[in-house]
């Protein structure tokens, strides 16, 4: 097991203190459980995500038109 130091202030620190008292558990236990609950909810990106650059800055706004053009030009199956 590794040791990690985390600085928490404001509302998050107050919530942590409240949980420590209410559940009679250590801060470390609560943070570990929170991380375990949070981590699986994040969807992993596909392996190729971010590896290629199209040179275009409008891909998101014009995705459908870009794909239509690629099909017409024989660049997309």
N, C-alpha and C. Protein backbone atom coordinates (compact mmCIF):
# COMPACT_ATOMS: atom_id res chain seq x y z
N UNK A 1 0.85 -1.17 0.00
CA UNK A 1 0.00 0.00 0.00
C UNK A 1 0.89 1.23 0.00
N UNK A 2 0.50 2.24 -0.77
CA UNK A 2 1.29 3.47 -0.81
C UNK A 2 0.61 4.57 0.00
N UNK A 3 1.41 5.54 0.40
CA UNK A 3 0.91 6.66 1.18
C UNK A 3 0.79 7.88 0.27
N UNK A 4 -0.34 8.56 0.34
CA UNK A 4 -0.59 9.75 -0.46
C UNK A 4 -1.04 10.87 0.48
N UNK A 5 -0.48 12.04 0.30
CA UNK A 5 -0.90 13.19 1.09
C UNK A 5 -1.83 14.05 0.25
N UNK A 6 -2.99 14.36 0.80
CA UNK A 6 -3.99 15.15 0.08
C UNK A 6 -4.38 16.35 0.92
N UNK A 7 -4.37 17.53 0.32
CA UNK A 7 -4.81 18.73 1.02
C UNK A 7 -6.28 18.97 0.69
N UNK A 8 -7.10 19.04 1.73
CA UNK A 8 -8.54 19.26 1.55
C UNK A 8 -8.93 20.47 2.39
N UNK A 9 -9.66 21.39 1.78
CA UNK A 9 -10.12 22.56 2.53
C UNK A 9 -11.58 22.84 2.21
N UNK A 10 -12.15 23.74 2.97
CA UNK A 10 -13.52 24.18 2.71
C UNK A 10 -14.56 23.11 2.95
N UNK A 11 -15.60 23.10 2.12
CA UNK A 11 -16.72 22.17 2.31
C UNK A 11 -16.31 20.70 2.27
N UNK A 12 -15.33 20.36 1.44
CA UNK A 12 -14.89 18.97 1.36
C UNK A 12 -14.27 18.52 2.68
N UNK A 13 -13.49 19.39 3.30
CA UNK A 13 -12.87 19.05 4.58
C UNK A 13 -13.93 18.87 5.66
N UNK A 14 -14.93 19.72 5.64
CA UNK A 14 -16.02 19.62 6.62
C UNK A 14 -16.80 18.33 6.43
N UNK A 15 -17.07 17.97 5.19
CA UNK A 15 -17.77 16.71 4.92
C UNK A 15 -16.96 15.52 5.41
N UNK A 16 -15.65 15.56 5.17
CA UNK A 16 -14.80 14.47 5.61
C UNK A 16 -14.81 14.36 7.13
N UNK A 17 -14.68 15.48 7.83
CA UNK A 17 -14.72 15.47 9.30
C UNK A 17 -16.05 14.91 9.81
N UNK A 18 -17.14 15.30 9.16
CA UNK A 18 -18.46 14.81 9.56
C UNK A 18 -18.54 13.29 9.37
N UNK A 19 -18.05 12.79 8.25
CA UNK A 19 -18.08 11.34 8.00
C UNK A 19 -17.22 10.58 8.99
N UNK A 20 -16.06 11.13 9.33
CA UNK A 20 -15.17 10.48 10.30
C UNK A 20 -15.90 10.31 11.63
N UNK A 21 -16.56 11.36 12.08
CA UNK A 21 -17.28 11.30 13.36
C UNK A 21 -18.51 10.40 13.27
N UNK A 22 -19.28 10.55 12.22
CA UNK A 22 -20.53 9.80 12.09
C UNK A 22 -20.31 8.30 11.92
N UNK A 23 -19.27 7.94 11.17
CA UNK A 23 -19.04 6.52 10.87
C UNK A 23 -17.98 5.88 11.75
N UNK A 24 -17.33 6.71 12.59
CA UNK A 24 -16.27 6.20 13.47
C UNK A 24 -15.23 5.42 12.67
N UNK A 25 -14.81 6.04 11.58
CA UNK A 25 -13.77 5.43 10.72
C UNK A 25 -12.69 6.46 10.49
N UNK A 26 -11.54 6.02 10.02
CA UNK A 26 -10.44 6.95 9.78
C UNK A 26 -10.66 7.71 8.47
N UNK A 27 -9.97 8.84 8.36
CA UNK A 27 -10.02 9.61 7.12
C UNK A 27 -9.55 8.76 5.95
N UNK A 28 -8.49 8.00 6.18
CA UNK A 28 -7.92 7.17 5.12
C UNK A 28 -8.94 6.15 4.60
N UNK A 29 -9.68 5.52 5.51
CA UNK A 29 -10.70 4.54 5.09
C UNK A 29 -11.77 5.20 4.23
N UNK A 30 -12.22 6.36 4.66
CA UNK A 30 -13.28 7.05 3.94
C UNK A 30 -12.79 7.49 2.56
N UNK A 31 -11.59 8.02 2.48
CA UNK A 31 -11.04 8.46 1.20
C UNK A 31 -10.83 7.26 0.28
N UNK A 32 -10.31 6.15 0.81
CA UNK A 32 -10.13 4.94 -0.01
C UNK A 32 -11.47 4.47 -0.59
N UNK A 33 -12.49 4.40 0.27
CA UNK A 33 -13.81 3.96 -0.19
C UNK A 33 -14.38 4.91 -1.24
N UNK A 34 -14.19 6.20 -1.03
CA UNK A 34 -14.69 7.19 -1.99
C UNK A 34 -13.99 7.03 -3.34
N UNK A 35 -12.69 6.80 -3.31
CA UNK A 35 -11.94 6.62 -4.55
C UNK A 35 -12.38 5.35 -5.27
N UNK A 36 -12.58 4.28 -4.53
CA UNK A 36 -13.05 3.03 -5.13
C UNK A 36 -14.41 3.21 -5.78
N UNK A 37 -15.28 3.98 -5.15
CA UNK A 37 -16.62 4.21 -5.70
C UNK A 37 -16.56 5.13 -6.92
N UNK A 38 -15.63 6.07 -6.93
CA UNK A 38 -15.54 7.06 -8.00
C UNK A 38 -14.84 6.51 -9.24
N UNK A 39 -13.76 5.79 -9.06
CA UNK A 39 -12.92 5.36 -10.18
C UNK A 39 -13.65 4.52 -11.22
N UNK A 40 -14.43 3.52 -10.84
CA UNK A 40 -15.09 2.71 -11.87
C UNK A 40 -16.13 3.49 -12.68
N UNK A 41 -16.60 4.62 -12.16
CA UNK A 41 -17.62 5.38 -12.87
C UNK A 41 -17.04 6.16 -14.05
N UNK A 42 -15.74 6.30 -14.08
CA UNK A 42 -15.11 7.01 -15.18
C UNK A 42 -14.86 6.04 -16.33
N UNK A 43 -15.46 6.33 -17.48
CA UNK A 43 -15.32 5.47 -18.64
C UNK A 43 -13.94 5.67 -19.26
N UNK A 44 -13.28 4.58 -19.57
CA UNK A 44 -11.97 4.66 -20.19
C UNK A 44 -12.12 5.03 -21.66
N UNK A 45 -11.19 5.80 -22.16
CA UNK A 45 -11.20 6.17 -23.56
C UNK A 45 -10.69 5.01 -24.41
N UNK A 46 -11.13 4.92 -25.66
CA UNK A 46 -10.59 3.88 -26.54
C UNK A 46 -9.08 4.05 -26.69
N UNK A 47 -8.38 2.95 -27.00
CA UNK A 47 -6.92 2.99 -27.07
C UNK A 47 -6.39 4.04 -28.03
N UNK A 48 -7.07 4.28 -29.13
CA UNK A 48 -6.57 5.22 -30.13
C UNK A 48 -6.96 6.67 -29.89
N UNK A 49 -7.75 6.93 -28.87
CA UNK A 49 -8.22 8.29 -28.61
C UNK A 49 -7.05 9.23 -28.33
N UNK A 50 -7.02 10.31 -29.06
CA UNK A 50 -6.00 11.32 -28.85
C UNK A 50 -4.68 11.07 -29.57
N UNK A 51 -4.58 9.96 -30.30
CA UNK A 51 -3.32 9.64 -30.97
C UNK A 51 -3.19 10.29 -32.34
N UNK A 52 -4.30 10.72 -32.91
CA UNK A 52 -4.29 11.23 -34.27
C UNK A 52 -4.76 12.68 -34.29
N UNK A 53 -4.29 13.42 -35.27
CA UNK A 53 -4.67 14.82 -35.41
C UNK A 53 -5.13 15.05 -36.84
N UNK A 54 -6.36 15.50 -37.01
CA UNK A 54 -6.92 15.70 -38.35
C UNK A 54 -6.48 17.03 -38.96
N UNK A 55 -6.00 17.93 -38.14
CA UNK A 55 -5.64 19.24 -38.64
C UNK A 55 -6.83 20.19 -38.67
N UNK A 56 -7.98 19.71 -38.24
CA UNK A 56 -9.19 20.53 -38.24
C UNK A 56 -9.54 20.92 -36.82
N UNK A 57 -10.10 22.11 -36.67
CA UNK A 57 -10.51 22.55 -35.34
C UNK A 57 -12.04 22.53 -35.18
N UNK A 58 -12.76 22.11 -36.23
CA UNK A 58 -14.22 22.12 -36.20
C UNK A 58 -14.83 20.72 -36.19
N UNK A 59 -14.05 19.73 -35.86
CA UNK A 59 -14.50 18.34 -35.95
C UNK A 59 -15.77 18.09 -35.15
N UNK A 60 -15.84 18.57 -33.96
CA UNK A 60 -17.00 18.32 -33.10
C UNK A 60 -18.27 18.94 -33.69
N UNK A 61 -18.18 20.16 -34.15
CA UNK A 61 -19.36 20.85 -34.66
C UNK A 61 -19.82 20.29 -36.01
N UNK A 62 -18.90 19.75 -36.80
CA UNK A 62 -19.24 19.32 -38.16
C UNK A 62 -19.00 17.83 -38.39
N UNK A 63 -19.11 17.03 -37.36
CA UNK A 63 -18.78 15.60 -37.46
C UNK A 63 -19.57 14.90 -38.54
N UNK A 64 -20.88 15.12 -38.60
CA UNK A 64 -21.71 14.43 -39.59
C UNK A 64 -21.31 14.81 -41.02
N UNK A 65 -21.09 16.08 -41.26
CA UNK A 65 -20.71 16.52 -42.61
C UNK A 65 -19.33 15.99 -42.97
N UNK A 66 -18.42 15.97 -42.03
CA UNK A 66 -17.07 15.45 -42.29
C UNK A 66 -17.15 13.98 -42.68
N UNK A 67 -17.97 13.21 -41.97
CA UNK A 67 -18.13 11.79 -42.31
C UNK A 67 -18.80 11.61 -43.67
N UNK A 68 -19.83 12.41 -43.97
CA UNK A 68 -20.48 12.33 -45.29
C UNK A 68 -19.47 12.58 -46.40
N UNK A 69 -18.66 13.62 -46.23
CA UNK A 69 -17.64 13.95 -47.23
C UNK A 69 -16.63 12.82 -47.38
N UNK A 70 -16.23 12.22 -46.27
CA UNK A 70 -15.26 11.12 -46.31
C UNK A 70 -15.84 9.92 -47.06
N UNK A 71 -17.12 9.64 -46.86
CA UNK A 71 -17.76 8.53 -47.57
C UNK A 71 -17.80 8.83 -49.07
N UNK A 72 -18.19 10.04 -49.44
CA UNK A 72 -18.26 10.43 -50.85
C UNK A 72 -16.90 10.32 -51.53
N UNK A 73 -15.85 10.65 -50.79
CA UNK A 73 -14.49 10.64 -51.35
C UNK A 73 -13.84 9.26 -51.25
N UNK A 74 -14.55 8.28 -50.71
CA UNK A 74 -14.01 6.93 -50.59
C UNK A 74 -12.98 6.77 -49.49
N UNK A 75 -12.96 7.69 -48.55
CA UNK A 75 -12.00 7.62 -47.44
C UNK A 75 -12.57 6.92 -46.22
N UNK A 76 -13.86 6.59 -46.28
CA UNK A 76 -14.53 5.94 -45.16
C UNK A 76 -15.33 4.77 -45.71
N UNK A 77 -15.29 3.64 -45.04
CA UNK A 77 -15.96 2.43 -45.59
C UNK A 77 -17.41 2.57 -45.88
